[in-house]
PDB file of all heavy atoms in Angstrom:
ATOM      1  N   ALA A   1     -17.173   5.313  -4.054  1.00  0.00           N
ATOM      2  CA  ALA A   1     -16.708   3.944  -4.333  1.00  0.00           C
ATOM      3  C   ALA A   1     -15.244   3.963  -4.770  1.00  0.00           C
ATOM      4  O   ALA A   1     -14.436   3.130  -4.338  1.00  0.00           O
ATOM      5  CB  ALA A   1     -17.584   3.302  -5.408  1.00  0.00           C
ATOM      6  N   ALA A   2     -14.891   4.919  -5.626  1.00  0.00           N
ATOM      7  CA  ALA A   2     -13.505   5.034  -6.079  1.00  0.00           C
ATOM      8  C   ALA A   2     -12.578   5.386  -4.914  1.00  0.00           C
ATOM      9  O   ALA A   2     -11.447   4.889  -4.833  1.00  0.00           O
ATOM     10  CB  ALA A   2     -13.405   6.099  -7.173  1.00  0.00           C
ATOM     11  N   THR A   3     -13.063   6.226  -4.007  1.00  0.00           N
ATOM     12  CA  THR A   3     -12.279   6.571  -2.817  1.00  0.00           C
ATOM     13  C   THR A   3     -12.047   5.346  -1.950  1.00  0.00           C
ATOM     14  O   THR A   3     -10.964   5.140  -1.407  1.00  0.00           O
ATOM     15  CB  THR A   3     -12.983   7.659  -1.995  1.00  0.00           C
ATOM     16  OG1 THR A   3     -13.206   8.805  -2.818  1.00  0.00           O
ATOM     17  CG2 THR A   3     -12.149   8.069  -0.787  1.00  0.00           C
ATOM     18  N   ARG A   4     -13.080   4.506  -1.837  1.00  0.00           N
ATOM     19  CA  ARG A   4     -12.945   3.300  -1.017  1.00  0.00           C
ATOM     20  C   ARG A   4     -11.914   2.344  -1.609  1.00  0.00           C
ATOM     21  O   ARG A   4     -11.180   1.673  -0.862  1.00  0.00           O
ATOM     22  CB  ARG A   4     -14.304   2.606  -0.894  1.00  0.00           C
ATOM     23  CG  ARG A   4     -14.295   1.426   0.056  1.00  0.00           C
ATOM     24  CD  ARG A   4     -13.864   1.835   1.463  1.00  0.00           C
ATOM     25  NE  ARG A   4     -14.958   2.345   2.253  1.00  0.00           N
ATOM     26  CZ  ARG A   4     -14.793   3.193   3.255  1.00  0.00           C
ATOM     27  NH1 ARG A   4     -13.588   3.641   3.562  1.00  0.00           N
ATOM     28  NH2 ARG A   4     -15.827   3.606   3.960  1.00  0.00           N
ATOM     29  N   LEU A   5     -11.820   2.272  -2.935  1.00  0.00           N
ATOM     30  CA  LEU A   5     -10.780   1.439  -3.548  1.00  0.00           C
ATOM     31  C   LEU A   5      -9.396   1.962  -3.174  1.00  0.00           C
ATOM     32  O   LEU A   5      -8.459   1.184  -2.966  1.00  0.00           O
ATOM     33  CB  LEU A   5     -10.946   1.419  -5.068  1.00  0.00           C
ATOM     34  CG  LEU A   5     -12.165   0.671  -5.620  1.00  0.00           C
ATOM     35  CD1 LEU A   5     -12.206   0.763  -7.140  1.00  0.00           C
ATOM     36  CD2 LEU A   5     -12.155  -0.790  -5.184  1.00  0.00           C
ATOM     37  N   GLY A   6      -9.266   3.286  -3.082  1.00  0.00           N
ATOM     38  CA  GLY A   6      -8.008   3.862  -2.606  1.00  0.00           C
ATOM     39  C   GLY A   6      -7.735   3.481  -1.171  1.00  0.00           C
ATOM     40  O   GLY A   6      -6.593   3.195  -0.788  1.00  0.00           O
ATOM     41  N   ASP A   7      -8.797   3.464  -0.345  1.00  0.00           N
ATOM     42  CA  ASP A   7      -8.647   3.082   1.065  1.00  0.00           C
ATOM     43  C   ASP A   7      -8.153   1.645   1.197  1.00  0.00           C
ATOM     44  O   ASP A   7      -7.337   1.331   2.066  1.00  0.00           O
ATOM     45  CB  ASP A   7      -9.985   3.229   1.798  1.00  0.00           C
ATOM     46  CG  ASP A   7     -10.467   4.664   1.859  1.00  0.00           C
ATOM     47  OD1 ASP A   7      -9.649   5.582   1.656  1.00  0.00           O
ATOM     48  OD2 ASP A   7     -11.677   4.873   2.102  1.00  0.00           O
ATOM     49  N   ILE A   8      -8.662   0.768   0.345  1.00  0.00           N
ATOM     50  CA  ILE A   8      -8.242  -0.641   0.387  1.00  0.00           C
ATOM     51  C   ILE A   8      -6.757  -0.757   0.046  1.00  0.00           C
ATOM     52  O   ILE A   8      -6.004  -1.486   0.702  1.00  0.00           O
ATOM     53  CB  ILE A   8      -9.092  -1.482  -0.580  1.00  0.00           C
ATOM     54  CG1 ILE A   8     -10.534  -1.567  -0.060  1.00  0.00           C
ATOM     55  CG2 ILE A   8      -8.505  -2.894  -0.734  1.00  0.00           C
ATOM     56  CD1 ILE A   8     -11.507  -2.198  -1.040  1.00  0.00           C
ATOM     57  N   ALA A   9      -6.329  -0.008  -0.974  1.00  0.00           N
ATOM     58  CA  ALA A   9      -4.908  -0.013  -1.333  1.00  0.00           C
ATOM     59  C   ALA A   9      -4.067   0.561  -0.199  1.00  0.00           C
ATOM     60  O   ALA A   9      -2.952   0.085   0.077  1.00  0.00           O
ATOM     61  CB  ALA A   9      -4.690   0.792  -2.612  1.00  0.00           C
ATOM     62  N   LEU A  10      -4.600   1.581   0.477  1.00  0.00           N
ATOM     63  CA  LEU A  10      -3.884   2.200   1.592  1.00  0.00           C
ATOM     64  C   LEU A  10      -3.699   1.212   2.738  1.00  0.00           C
ATOM     65  O   LEU A  10      -2.617   1.124   3.337  1.00  0.00           O
ATOM     66  CB  LEU A  10      -4.650   3.433   2.069  1.00  0.00           C
ATOM     67  CG  LEU A  10      -4.094   4.166   3.294  1.00  0.00           C
ATOM     68  CD1 LEU A  10      -2.688   4.693   3.018  1.00  0.00           C
ATOM     69  CD2 LEU A  10      -5.015   5.298   3.701  1.00  0.00           C
ATOM     70  N   ILE A  11      -4.734   0.456   3.046  1.00  0.00           N
ATOM     71  CA  ILE A  11      -4.645  -0.533   4.118  1.00  0.00           C
ATOM     72  C   ILE A  11      -3.594  -1.595   3.784  1.00  0.00           C
ATOM     73  O   ILE A  11      -2.820  -2.016   4.653  1.00  0.00           O
ATOM     74  CB  ILE A  11      -6.022  -1.181   4.360  1.00  0.00           C
ATOM     75  CG1 ILE A  11      -6.960  -0.162   5.014  1.00  0.00           C
ATOM     76  CG2 ILE A  11      -5.901  -2.426   5.238  1.00  0.00           C
ATOM     77  CD1 ILE A  11      -8.404  -0.596   5.068  1.00  0.00           C
ATOM     78  N   ARG A  12      -3.558  -2.023   2.522  1.00  0.00           N
ATOM     79  CA  ARG A  12      -2.544  -3.002   2.112  1.00  0.00           C
ATOM     80  C   ARG A  12      -1.137  -2.444   2.327  1.00  0.00           C
ATOM     81  O   ARG A  12      -0.237  -3.151   2.784  1.00  0.00           O
ATOM     82  CB  ARG A  12      -2.743  -3.372   0.650  1.00  0.00           C
ATOM     83  CG  ARG A  12      -3.931  -4.277   0.404  1.00  0.00           C
ATOM     84  CD  ARG A  12      -4.064  -4.621  -1.051  1.00  0.00           C
ATOM     85  NE  ARG A  12      -5.201  -5.499  -1.285  1.00  0.00           N
ATOM     86  CZ  ARG A  12      -5.992  -5.421  -2.336  1.00  0.00           C
ATOM     87  NH1 ARG A  12      -5.759  -4.520  -3.274  1.00  0.00           N
ATOM     88  NH2 ARG A  12      -7.007  -6.250  -2.478  1.00  0.00           N
ATOM     89  N   HIS A  13      -0.959  -1.169   1.993  1.00  0.00           N
ATOM     90  CA  HIS A  13       0.352  -0.551   2.172  1.00  0.00           C
ATOM     91  C   HIS A  13       0.708  -0.435   3.647  1.00  0.00           C
ATOM     92  O   HIS A  13       1.836  -0.736   4.057  1.00  0.00           O
ATOM     93  CB  HIS A  13       0.364   0.834   1.519  1.00  0.00           C
ATOM     94  CG  HIS A  13       1.615   1.603   1.779  1.00  0.00           C
ATOM     95  ND1 HIS A  13       1.684   2.621   2.712  1.00  0.00           N
ATOM     96  CD2 HIS A  13       2.865   1.495   1.240  1.00  0.00           C
ATOM     97  CE1 HIS A  13       2.913   3.102   2.733  1.00  0.00           C
ATOM     98  NE2 HIS A  13       3.634   2.436   1.859  1.00  0.00           N
ATOM     99  N   GLU A  14      -0.265   0.000   4.465  1.00  0.00           N
ATOM    100  CA  GLU A  14      -0.009   0.158   5.899  1.00  0.00           C
ATOM    101  C   GLU A  14       0.340  -1.177   6.541  1.00  0.00           C
ATOM    102  O   GLU A  14       1.230  -1.269   7.384  1.00  0.00           O
ATOM    103  CB  GLU A  14      -1.244   0.772   6.585  1.00  0.00           C
ATOM    104  CG  GLU A  14      -1.611   2.171   6.130  1.00  0.00           C
ATOM    105  CD  GLU A  14      -0.774   3.244   6.791  1.00  0.00           C
ATOM    106  OE1 GLU A  14       0.255   2.895   7.416  1.00  0.00           O
ATOM    107  OE2 GLU A  14      -1.132   4.422   6.675  1.00  0.00           O
ATOM    108  N   ARG A  15      -0.359  -2.229   6.150  1.00  0.00           N
ATOM    109  CA  ARG A  15      -0.095  -3.552   6.727  1.00  0.00           C
ATOM    110  C   ARG A  15       1.247  -4.102   6.258  1.00  0.00           C
ATOM    111  O   ARG A  15       1.934  -4.789   7.019  1.00  0.00           O
ATOM    112  CB  ARG A  15      -1.223  -4.515   6.358  1.00  0.00           C
ATOM    113  CG  ARG A  15      -2.526  -4.203   7.082  1.00  0.00           C
ATOM    114  CD  ARG A  15      -3.590  -5.254   6.851  1.00  0.00           C
ATOM    115  NE  ARG A  15      -4.737  -5.037   7.722  1.00  0.00           N
ATOM    116  CZ  ARG A  15      -5.788  -5.852   7.791  1.00  0.00           C
ATOM    117  NH1 ARG A  15      -5.834  -6.936   7.029  1.00  0.00           N
ATOM    118  NH2 ARG A  15      -6.781  -5.593   8.616  1.00  0.00           N
ATOM    119  N   ALA A  16       1.587  -3.795   5.015  1.00  0.00           N
ATOM    120  CA  ALA A  16       2.880  -4.242   4.498  1.00  0.00           C
ATOM    121  C   ALA A  16       4.028  -3.583   5.257  1.00  0.00           C
ATOM    122  O   ALA A  16       5.087  -4.184   5.461  1.00  0.00           O
ATOM    123  CB  ALA A  16       2.989  -3.931   3.008  1.00  0.00           C
ATOM    124  N   GLN A  17       3.807  -2.319   5.686  1.00  0.00           N
ATOM    125  CA  GLN A  17       4.834  -1.607   6.456  1.00  0.00           C
ATOM    126  C   GLN A  17       5.120  -2.299   7.787  1.00  0.00           C
ATOM    127  O   GLN A  17       6.215  -2.182   8.327  1.00  0.00           O
ATOM    128  CB  GLN A  17       4.404  -0.166   6.711  1.00  0.00           C
ATOM    129  CG  GLN A  17       4.527   0.750   5.500  1.00  0.00           C
ATOM    130  CD  GLN A  17       4.165   2.174   5.842  1.00  0.00           C
ATOM    131  OE1 GLN A  17       3.099   2.449   6.386  1.00  0.00           O
ATOM    132  NE2 GLN A  17       5.053   3.102   5.532  1.00  0.00           N
ATOM    133  N   ASP A  18       4.114  -2.988   8.310  1.00  0.00           N
ATOM    134  CA  ASP A  18       4.273  -3.660   9.603  1.00  0.00           C
ATOM    135  C   ASP A  18       5.010  -4.991   9.488  1.00  0.00           C
ATOM    136  O   ASP A  18       5.356  -5.590  10.503  1.00  0.00           O
ATOM    137  CB  ASP A  18       2.895  -3.893  10.238  1.00  0.00           C
ATOM    138  CG  ASP A  18       2.195  -2.587  10.601  1.00  0.00           C
ATOM    139  OD1 ASP A  18       2.901  -1.583  10.823  1.00  0.00           O
ATOM    140  OD2 ASP A  18       0.948  -2.583  10.649  1.00  0.00           O
ATOM    141  N   LYS A  19       5.226  -5.446   8.265  1.00  0.00           N
ATOM    142  CA  LYS A  19       5.917  -6.720   8.062  1.00  0.00           C
ATOM    143  C   LYS A  19       7.396  -6.467   7.774  1.00  0.00           C
ATOM    144  O   LYS A  19       7.742  -5.751   6.849  1.00  0.00           O
ATOM    145  CB  LYS A  19       5.276  -7.490   6.902  1.00  0.00           C
ATOM    146  CG  LYS A  19       3.837  -7.893   7.173  1.00  0.00           C
ATOM    147  CD  LYS A  19       3.248  -8.665   6.005  1.00  0.00           C
ATOM    148  CE  LYS A  19       1.804  -9.081   6.282  1.00  0.00           C
ATOM    149  NZ  LYS A  19       1.214  -9.809   5.146  1.00  0.00           N
ATOM    150  N   LYS A  20       8.249  -7.060   8.555  1.00  0.00           N
ATOM    151  CA  LYS A  20       9.683  -6.791   8.469  1.00  0.00           C
ATOM    152  C   LYS A  20      10.319  -7.350   7.197  1.00  0.00           C
ATOM    153  O   LYS A  20      11.377  -6.902   6.780  1.00  0.00           O
ATOM    154  CB  LYS A  20      10.391  -7.370   9.701  1.00  0.00           C
ATOM    155  CG  LYS A  20       9.961  -6.716  11.018  1.00  0.00           C
ATOM    156  CD  LYS A  20      10.684  -7.325  12.197  1.00  0.00           C
ATOM    157  CE  LYS A  20      10.250  -6.684  13.493  1.00  0.00           C
ATOM    158  NZ  LYS A  20      10.945  -7.273  14.668  1.00  0.00           N
ATOM    159  N   ASN A  21       9.666  -8.326   6.582  1.00  0.00           N
ATOM    160  CA  ASN A  21      10.290  -8.964   5.422  1.00  0.00           C
ATOM    161  C   ASN A  21       9.907  -8.314   4.090  1.00  0.00           C
ATOM    162  O   ASN A  21      10.284  -8.807   3.027  1.00  0.00           O
ATOM    163  CB  ASN A  21       9.916 -10.454   5.380  1.00  0.00           C
ATOM    164  CG  ASN A  21       8.413 -10.672   5.252  1.00  0.00           C
ATOM    165  OD1 ASN A  21       7.617  -9.780   5.548  1.00  0.00           O
ATOM    166  ND2 ASN A  21       8.038 -11.869   4.837  1.00  0.00           N
ATOM    167  N   ARG A  22       9.160  -7.216   4.095  1.00  0.00           N
ATOM    168  CA  ARG A  22       8.795  -6.548   2.853  1.00  0.00           C
ATOM    169  C   ARG A  22       9.931  -5.639   2.399  1.00  0.00           C
ATOM    170  O   ARG A  22      10.477  -4.862   3.189  1.00  0.00           O
ATOM    171  CB  ARG A  22       7.513  -5.730   3.018  1.00  0.00           C
ATOM    172  CG  ARG A  22       6.308  -6.545   3.407  1.00  0.00           C
ATOM    173  CD  ARG A  22       6.003  -7.661   2.422  1.00  0.00           C
ATOM    174  NE  ARG A  22       5.436  -7.178   1.181  1.00  0.00           N
ATOM    175  CZ  ARG A  22       4.131  -7.143   0.930  1.00  0.00           C
ATOM    176  NH1 ARG A  22       3.253  -7.544   1.849  1.00  0.00           N
ATOM    177  NH2 ARG A  22       3.689  -6.727  -0.244  1.00  0.00           N
ATOM    178  N   SER A  23      10.280  -5.731   1.135  1.00  0.00           N
ATOM    179  CA  SER A  23      11.380  -4.931   0.597  1.00  0.00           C
ATOM    180  C   SER A  23      10.945  -3.492   0.372  1.00  0.00           C
ATOM    181  O   SER A  23       9.751  -3.195   0.257  1.00  0.00           O
ATOM    182  CB  SER A  23      11.855  -5.532  -0.726  1.00  0.00           C
ATOM    183  OG  SER A  23      10.834  -5.420  -1.709  1.00  0.00           O
ATOM    184  N   LYS A  24      11.909  -2.589   0.281  1.00  0.00           N
ATOM    185  CA  LYS A  24      11.607  -1.179   0.041  1.00  0.00           C
ATOM    186  C   LYS A  24      10.944  -0.982  -1.314  1.00  0.00           C
ATOM    187  O   LYS A  24      10.049  -0.148  -1.468  1.00  0.00           O
ATOM    188  CB  LYS A  24      12.891  -0.354   0.130  1.00  0.00           C
ATOM    189  CG  LYS A  24      13.437  -0.206   1.535  1.00  0.00           C
ATOM    190  CD  LYS A  24      14.639   0.720   1.558  1.00  0.00           C
ATOM    191  CE  LYS A  24      15.165   0.904   2.971  1.00  0.00           C
ATOM    192  NZ  LYS A  24      16.354   1.818   3.005  1.00  0.00           N
ATOM    193  N   SER A  25      11.380  -1.745  -2.308  1.00  0.00           N
ATOM    194  CA  SER A  25      10.795  -1.628  -3.644  1.00  0.00           C
ATOM    195  C   SER A  25       9.335  -2.063  -3.639  1.00  0.00           C
ATOM    196  O   SER A  25       8.489  -1.472  -4.326  1.00  0.00           O
ATOM    197  CB  SER A  25      11.597  -2.455  -4.656  1.00  0.00           C
ATOM    198  OG  SER A  25      11.581  -3.828  -4.301  1.00  0.00           O
ATOM    199  N   ASP A  26       9.029  -3.102  -2.864  1.00  0.00           N
ATOM    200  CA  ASP A  26       7.652  -3.579  -2.774  1.00  0.00           C
ATOM    201  C   ASP A  26       6.774  -2.542  -2.080  1.00  0.00           C
ATOM    202  O   ASP A  26       5.650  -2.263  -2.522  1.00  0.00           O
ATOM    203  CB  ASP A  26       7.609  -4.897  -2.006  1.00  0.00           C
ATOM    204  CG  ASP A  26       6.274  -5.621  -2.166  1.00  0.00           C
ATOM    205  OD1 ASP A  26       5.569  -5.338  -3.157  1.00  0.00           O
ATOM    206  OD2 ASP A  26       5.948  -6.455  -1.309  1.00  0.00           O
ATOM    207  N   LEU A  27       7.283  -1.953  -1.003  1.00  0.00           N
ATOM    208  CA  LEU A  27       6.540  -0.925  -0.289  1.00  0.00           C
ATOM    209  C   LEU A  27       6.328   0.303  -1.170  1.00  0.00           C
ATOM    210  O   LEU A  27       5.260   0.919  -1.152  1.00  0.00           O
ATOM    211  CB  LEU A  27       7.276  -0.523   0.996  1.00  0.00           C
ATOM    212  CG  LEU A  27       7.330  -1.575   2.102  1.00  0.00           C
ATOM    213  CD1 LEU A  27       8.206  -1.091   3.252  1.00  0.00           C
ATOM    214  CD2 LEU A  27       5.918  -1.883   2.615  1.00  0.00           C
ATOM    215  N   SER A  28       7.358   0.642  -1.940  1.00  0.00           N
ATOM    216  CA  SER A  28       7.255   1.782  -2.848  1.00  0.00           C
ATOM    217  C   SER A  28       6.195   1.532  -3.914  1.00  0.00           C
ATOM    218  O   SER A  28       5.420   2.441  -4.271  1.00  0.00           O
ATOM    219  CB  SER A  28       8.612   2.048  -3.496  1.00  0.00           C
ATOM    220  OG  SER A  28       8.529   3.120  -4.413  1.00  0.00           O
ATOM    221  N   ARG A  29       6.139   0.307  -4.416  1.00  0.00           N
ATOM    222  CA  ARG A  29       5.142  -0.055  -5.433  1.00  0.00           C
ATOM    223  C   ARG A  29       3.730   0.048  -4.865  1.00  0.00           C
ATOM    224  O   ARG A  29       2.821   0.596  -5.511  1.00  0.00           O
ATOM    225  CB  ARG A  29       5.400  -1.481  -5.928  1.00  0.00           C
ATOM    226  CG  ARG A  29       4.397  -1.976  -6.966  1.00  0.00           C
ATOM    227  CD  ARG A  29       4.666  -3.430  -7.326  1.00  0.00           C
ATOM    228  NE  ARG A  29       4.538  -4.308  -6.177  1.00  0.00           N
ATOM    229  CZ  ARG A  29       3.354  -4.766  -5.728  1.00  0.00           C
ATOM    230  NH1 ARG A  29       2.227  -4.407  -6.341  1.00  0.00           N
ATOM    231  NH2 ARG A  29       3.310  -5.581  -4.689  1.00  0.00           N
ATOM    232  N   LEU A  30       3.529  -0.451  -3.647  1.00  0.00           N
ATOM    233  CA  LEU A  30       2.218  -0.397  -3.016  1.00  0.00           C
ATOM    234  C   LEU A  30       1.791   1.045  -2.739  1.00  0.00           C
ATOM    235  O   LEU A  30       0.626   1.406  -2.928  1.00  0.00           O
ATOM    236  CB  LEU A  30       2.231  -1.194  -1.710  1.00  0.00           C
ATOM    237  CG  LEU A  30       2.358  -2.716  -1.849  1.00  0.00           C
ATOM    238  CD1 LEU A  30       2.562  -3.360  -0.489  1.00  0.00           C
ATOM    239  CD2 LEU A  30       1.126  -3.300  -2.539  1.00  0.00           C
ATOM    240  N   LYS A  31       2.753   1.865  -2.311  1.00  0.00           N
ATOM    241  CA  LYS A  31       2.441   3.276  -2.052  1.00  0.00           C
ATOM    242  C   LYS A  31       2.033   3.987  -3.335  1.00  0.00           C
ATOM    243  O   LYS A  31       1.120   4.824  -3.334  1.00  0.00           O
ATOM    244  CB  LYS A  31       3.629   3.985  -1.413  1.00  0.00           C
ATOM    245  CG  LYS A  31       3.371   5.479  -1.161  1.00  0.00           C
ATOM    246  CD  LYS A  31       4.558   6.167  -0.527  1.00  0.00           C
ATOM    247  CE  LYS A  31       4.628   5.910   0.943  1.00  0.00           C
ATOM    248  NZ  LYS A  31       5.614   6.778   1.623  1.00  0.00           N
ATOM    249  N   GLN A  32       2.684   3.648  -4.440  1.00  0.00           N
ATOM    250  CA  GLN A  32       2.356   4.295  -5.710  1.00  0.00           C
ATOM    251  C   GLN A  32       0.950   3.914  -6.171  1.00  0.00           C
ATOM    252  O   GLN A  32       0.236   4.745  -6.746  1.00  0.00           O
ATOM    253  CB  GLN A  32       3.370   3.897  -6.785  1.00  0.00           C
ATOM    254  CG  GLN A  32       3.295   4.742  -8.045  1.00  0.00           C
ATOM    255  CD  GLN A  32       3.470   6.225  -7.765  1.00  0.00           C
ATOM    256  OE1 GLN A  32       4.418   6.634  -7.087  1.00  0.00           O
ATOM    257  NE2 GLN A  32       2.559   7.043  -8.266  1.00  0.00           N
ATOM    258  N   ILE A  33       0.539   2.683  -5.898  1.00  0.00           N
ATOM    259  CA  ILE A  33      -0.829   2.261  -6.222  1.00  0.00           C
ATOM    260  C   ILE A  33      -1.830   3.110  -5.449  1.00  0.00           C
ATOM    261  O   ILE A  33      -2.849   3.562  -5.994  1.00  0.00           O
ATOM    262  CB  ILE A  33      -1.029   0.766  -5.918  1.00  0.00           C
ATOM    263  CG1 ILE A  33      -0.204  -0.092  -6.876  1.00  0.00           C
ATOM    264  CG2 ILE A  33      -2.510   0.384  -6.015  1.00  0.00           C
ATOM    265  CD1 ILE A  33      -0.220  -1.569  -6.542  1.00  0.00           C
ATOM    266  N   VAL A  34      -1.536   3.338  -4.169  1.00  0.00           N
ATOM    267  CA  VAL A  34      -2.407   4.175  -3.332  1.00  0.00           C
ATOM    268  C   VAL A  34      -2.514   5.580  -3.921  1.00  0.00           C
ATOM    269  O   VAL A  34      -3.616   6.117  -4.103  1.00  0.00           O
ATOM    270  CB  VAL A  34      -1.879   4.259  -1.887  1.00  0.00           C
ATOM    271  CG1 VAL A  34      -2.783   5.158  -1.048  1.00  0.00           C
ATOM    272  CG2 VAL A  34      -1.785   2.886  -1.259  1.00  0.00           C
ATOM    273  N   LYS A  35      -1.369   6.170  -4.228  1.00  0.00           N
ATOM    274  CA  LYS A  35      -1.356   7.530  -4.773  1.00  0.00           C
ATOM    275  C   LYS A  35      -2.126   7.609  -6.082  1.00  0.00           C
ATOM    276  O   LYS A  35      -2.880   8.569  -6.311  1.00  0.00           O
ATOM    277  CB  LYS A  35       0.089   7.999  -4.984  1.00  0.00           C
ATOM    278  CG  LYS A  35       0.860   8.265  -3.708  1.00  0.00           C
ATOM    279  CD  LYS A  35       2.259   8.743  -4.038  1.00  0.00           C
ATOM    280  CE  LYS A  35       3.051   9.074  -2.799  1.00  0.00           C
ATOM    281  NZ  LYS A  35       4.430   9.548  -3.127  1.00  0.00           N
ATOM    282  N   ASN A  36      -1.947   6.606  -6.947  1.00  0.00           N
ATOM    283  CA  ASN A  36      -2.622   6.608  -8.246  1.00  0.00           C
ATOM    284  C   ASN A  36      -4.136   6.535  -8.090  1.00  0.00           C
ATOM    285  O   ASN A  36      -4.884   7.228  -8.799  1.00  0.00           O
ATOM    286  CB  ASN A  36      -2.132   5.443  -9.110  1.00  0.00           C
ATOM    287  CG  ASN A  36      -0.700   5.626  -9.584  1.00  0.00           C
ATOM    288  OD1 ASN A  36      -0.156   6.724  -9.533  1.00  0.00           O
ATOM    289  ND2 ASN A  36      -0.087   4.555 -10.037  1.00  0.00           N
TER     290      ASN A  36
END
């Protein structure tokens, strides 16, 4: 279950990467959530 919560955060980060209007700081924040 804890791994799946990481997967959900990962999907959010991957989808954010596909959006051109997301800032680098925002992407960095989302990636850090995934890592944590």
